[in-house]
Protein backbone atom coordinates (compact mmCIF):
# COMPACT_ATOMS: atom_id res chain seq x y z
CA UNK A 1 -5.13 -19.42 -42.36
CA UNK A 2 -5.30 -19.93 -38.59
CA UNK A 3 -2.06 -17.99 -38.12
CA UNK A 4 -3.46 -15.02 -40.05
CA UNK A 5 -6.53 -14.99 -37.84
CA UNK A 6 -4.34 -15.02 -34.72
CA UNK A 7 -2.19 -12.17 -36.04
CA UNK A 8 -5.27 -10.12 -36.90
CA UNK A 9 -6.76 -10.80 -33.48
CA UNK A 10 -3.52 -9.74 -31.76
CA UNK A 11 -3.43 -6.52 -33.80
CA UNK A 12 -7.06 -5.77 -32.96
CA UNK A 13 -6.48 -6.30 -29.23
CA UNK A 14 -3.38 -4.09 -29.29
CA UNK A 15 -5.31 -1.30 -31.02
CA UNK A 16 -8.16 -1.66 -28.51
CA UNK A 17 -5.76 -1.32 -25.58
CA UNK A 18 -4.02 1.70 -27.13
CA UNK A 19 -7.37 3.31 -27.92
CA UNK A 20 -8.54 2.75 -24.32
CA UNK A 21 -5.34 4.33 -22.99
CA UNK A 22 -5.93 7.38 -25.19
CA UNK A 23 -9.49 7.73 -23.80
CA UNK A 24 -8.19 8.21 -20.27
CA UNK A 25 -8.15 11.64 -18.68
CA UNK A 26 -4.39 11.95 -18.11
CA UNK A 27 -3.27 14.35 -15.40
CA UNK A 28 0.06 15.49 -14.05
CA UNK A 29 1.06 15.42 -10.40
CA UNK A 30 4.15 15.28 -8.22
CA UNK A 31 5.40 12.20 -6.37
CA UNK A 32 5.75 13.36 -2.75
CA UNK A 33 6.36 10.06 -0.92
CA UNK A 34 6.91 6.37 -1.53
CA UNK A 35 7.38 3.33 0.68
CA UNK A 36 7.31 -0.45 0.52
CA UNK A 37 4.62 -2.08 2.63
CA UNK A 38 4.19 -5.71 3.68
CA UNK A 39 0.66 -6.68 4.66
CA UNK A 40 0.11 -9.94 6.58
CA UNK A 41 -2.28 -12.26 4.75
CA UNK A 42 -2.26 -15.23 7.11
CA UNK A 43 0.00 -18.08 8.03
CA UNK A 44 0.70 -21.66 7.12
CA UNK A 45 1.29 -24.47 9.59
CA UNK A 46 3.21 -27.57 8.65
CA UNK A 47 3.89 -30.74 10.56
CA UNK A 48 6.17 -33.61 9.72
CA UNK A 49 6.27 -36.91 11.51
CA UNK A 50 9.17 -39.33 11.56
CA UNK A 51 8.55 -42.78 12.94
CA UNK A 52 10.68 -45.87 13.30
CA UNK A 53 10.68 -49.37 14.73
CA UNK A 54 13.87 -50.72 16.26
CA UNK A 55 15.09 -54.36 16.32
CA UNK A 56 13.13 -55.11 19.48
CA UNK A 57 9.90 -53.98 17.86
CA UNK A 58 9.67 -50.75 19.84
CA UNK A 59 7.93 -47.95 17.97
CA UNK A 60 9.03 -44.32 18.26
CA UNK A 61 7.61 -41.21 16.71
CA UNK A 62 8.82 -37.61 16.46
CA UNK A 63 6.55 -34.80 15.20
CA UNK A 64 7.87 -31.37 14.27
CA UNK A 65 5.53 -28.41 13.74
CA UNK A 66 6.51 -25.21 11.95
CA UNK A 67 4.54 -22.06 11.21
CA UNK A 68 5.31 -19.44 8.56
CA UNK A 69 3.64 -16.07 8.07
CA UNK A 70 2.51 -14.98 4.60
CA UNK A 71 2.71 -11.39 3.37
CA UNK A 72 1.59 -9.44 0.31
CA UNK A 73 4.06 -6.76 -0.77
CA UNK A 74 2.94 -3.36 -2.05
CA UNK A 75 4.70 -0.21 -3.18
CA UNK A 76 2.78 2.80 -1.85
CA UNK A 77 2.96 6.15 -3.66
CA UNK A 78 1.65 9.56 -2.55
CA UNK A 79 0.89 11.88 -5.46
CA UNK A 80 -0.06 15.55 -5.17
CA UNK A 81 -2.08 17.00 -8.06
CA UNK A 82 -3.44 20.50 -7.58
CA UNK A 83 -5.38 20.46 -4.32
CA UNK A 84 -5.89 16.67 -4.30
CA UNK A 85 -3.56 14.12 -2.71
CA UNK A 86 -3.78 10.48 -3.81
CA UNK A 87 -2.36 7.55 -1.87
CA UNK A 88 -2.13 4.55 -4.19
CA UNK A 89 -0.49 1.16 -3.98
CA UNK A 90 0.88 -1.26 -6.53
CA UNK A 91 0.68 -4.97 -5.70
CA UNK A 92 4.06 -6.66 -6.23
CA UNK A 93 3.04 -10.25 -6.90
CA UNK A 94 6.52 -11.84 -6.86
CA UNK A 95 9.70 -11.19 -4.85
CA UNK A 96 11.45 -10.11 -8.05
CA UNK A 97 8.62 -7.74 -9.15
CA UNK A 98 9.68 -4.13 -9.58
CA UNK A 99 7.37 -1.21 -8.84
CA UNK A 100 6.79 1.74 -11.14
CA UNK A 101 10.10 3.54 -11.77
CA UNK A 102 9.42 7.03 -10.41
CA UNK A 103 11.61 9.79 -8.98
CA UNK A 104 10.63 11.53 -5.74
CA UNK A 105 9.74 15.19 -6.30
CA UNK A 106 9.38 14.78 -10.07
CA UNK A 107 6.20 15.05 -12.17
CA UNK A 108 4.20 11.88 -12.88
CA UNK A 109 1.42 11.26 -15.39
CA UNK A 110 -1.65 9.39 -14.21
CA UNK A 111 -5.34 8.82 -14.85
CA UNK A 112 -7.95 7.89 -12.26
CA UNK A 113 -10.90 5.64 -13.03
CA UNK A 114 -13.04 5.00 -9.90
CA UNK A 115 -10.70 3.25 -7.43
CA UNK A 116 -8.01 2.49 -10.00
CA UNK A 117 -5.09 4.69 -11.02
CA UNK A 118 -3.15 4.16 -14.23
CA UNK A 119 0.35 5.52 -13.85
CA UNK A 120 3.07 6.04 -16.45
CA UNK A 121 6.57 5.43 -15.10
CA UNK A 122 9.76 7.13 -16.33
CA UNK A 123 10.02 4.58 -19.19
CA UNK A 124 6.42 5.24 -20.32
CA UNK A 125 5.26 1.84 -19.05
CA UNK A 126 1.70 1.82 -17.71
CA UNK A 127 1.08 0.48 -14.20
CA UNK A 128 -2.30 -0.28 -12.62
CA UNK A 129 -2.60 0.72 -8.96
CA UNK A 130 -5.36 0.76 -6.35
CA UNK A 131 -6.44 4.08 -4.86
CA UNK A 132 -6.21 3.71 -1.08
CA UNK A 133 -6.99 7.28 -0.05
CA UNK A 134 -7.93 10.60 -1.64
CA UNK A 135 -7.86 13.86 0.29
CA UNK A 136 -7.94 17.61 -0.26
CA UNK A 137 -4.79 19.57 0.49
CA UNK A 138 -4.88 20.96 4.01
CA UNK A 139 -7.36 18.30 5.20
């Protein structure tokens, strides 16, 4: 009984997501530029201390400090649609994350909802990106 409820719930959620995707105002544009961007988010400092006492009872200590910088990685896309240019970025959460698979100069399908862009890559997979900048052509 519990398994049937879980299956029904999964089906309902899938239909809700598909229905939401169909409600979006899909547009077509052209990918005009792309680049990978690393944004510094801070740094971490570490220190390790080694200490020892020799046979005479003398104490010695050695402290080593290291600092590492942290970065968030984004893939930035520039999309031209009519007289509007969108600059959007996709957050790549892990080193092995892959950005939307798009081809420079080719049409892309997207929908904009406030500061979020939903983008369909060449495999039809939907990606959620943040709108960084919107401008009119010639501005």
